[in-house]
């Protein structure tokens, strides 16, 4: 019972962490896309 609760907390932590990682990667890819887009406009 205690073990199950603990593992759920750990899963929740990993879920939140992966959510933040996903947003971070999404943010980075958007920045690179915008930079590429503006680079194309400047040429």
Protein backbone atom coordinates (compact mmCIF):
# COMPACT_ATOMS: atom_id res chain seq x y z
CA UNK A 1 0.00 0.00 0.00
CA UNK A 2 2.69 2.47 1.03
CA UNK A 3 4.91 1.29 -1.84
CA UNK A 4 2.12 1.83 -4.34
CA UNK A 5 1.53 5.37 -3.10
CA UNK A 6 5.24 6.13 -3.27
CA UNK A 7 5.55 4.83 -6.81
CA UNK A 8 2.55 6.95 -7.82
CA UNK A 9 4.29 10.06 -6.43
CA UNK A 10 7.44 9.15 -8.38
CA UNK A 11 5.38 8.65 -11.54
CA UNK A 12 3.74 12.04 -10.98
CA UNK A 13 7.18 13.65 -10.63
CA UNK A 14 8.43 12.02 -13.83
CA UNK A 15 5.24 13.04 -15.61
CA UNK A 16 5.67 16.69 -14.58
CA UNK A 17 9.36 16.57 -15.54
CA UNK A 18 8.59 15.11 -18.97
CA UNK A 19 5.88 17.75 -19.44
CA UNK A 20 8.41 20.51 -18.74
CA UNK A 21 10.96 18.84 -21.04
CA UNK A 22 8.36 18.63 -23.79
CA UNK A 23 7.48 22.33 -23.46
CA UNK A 24 11.19 23.22 -23.40
CA UNK A 25 11.87 21.22 -26.58
CA UNK A 26 8.78 22.71 -28.22
CA UNK A 27 10.01 26.20 -27.25
CA UNK A 28 13.50 25.52 -28.65
CA UNK A 29 12.17 24.12 -31.92
CA UNK A 30 9.90 27.16 -32.30
CA UNK A 31 12.85 29.51 -31.76
CA UNK A 32 14.92 27.68 -34.39
CA UNK A 33 11.95 27.79 -36.80
CA UNK A 34 11.48 31.53 -36.23
CA UNK A 35 15.21 32.17 -36.70
CA UNK A 36 15.20 30.17 -39.93
CA UNK A 37 12.07 32.01 -41.11
CA UNK A 38 13.55 35.46 -40.39
CA UNK A 39 16.84 34.38 -41.98
CA UNK A 40 14.94 33.47 -45.15
CA UNK A 41 13.13 36.84 -45.09
CA UNK A 42 16.40 38.77 -44.71
CA UNK A 43 18.03 37.12 -47.75
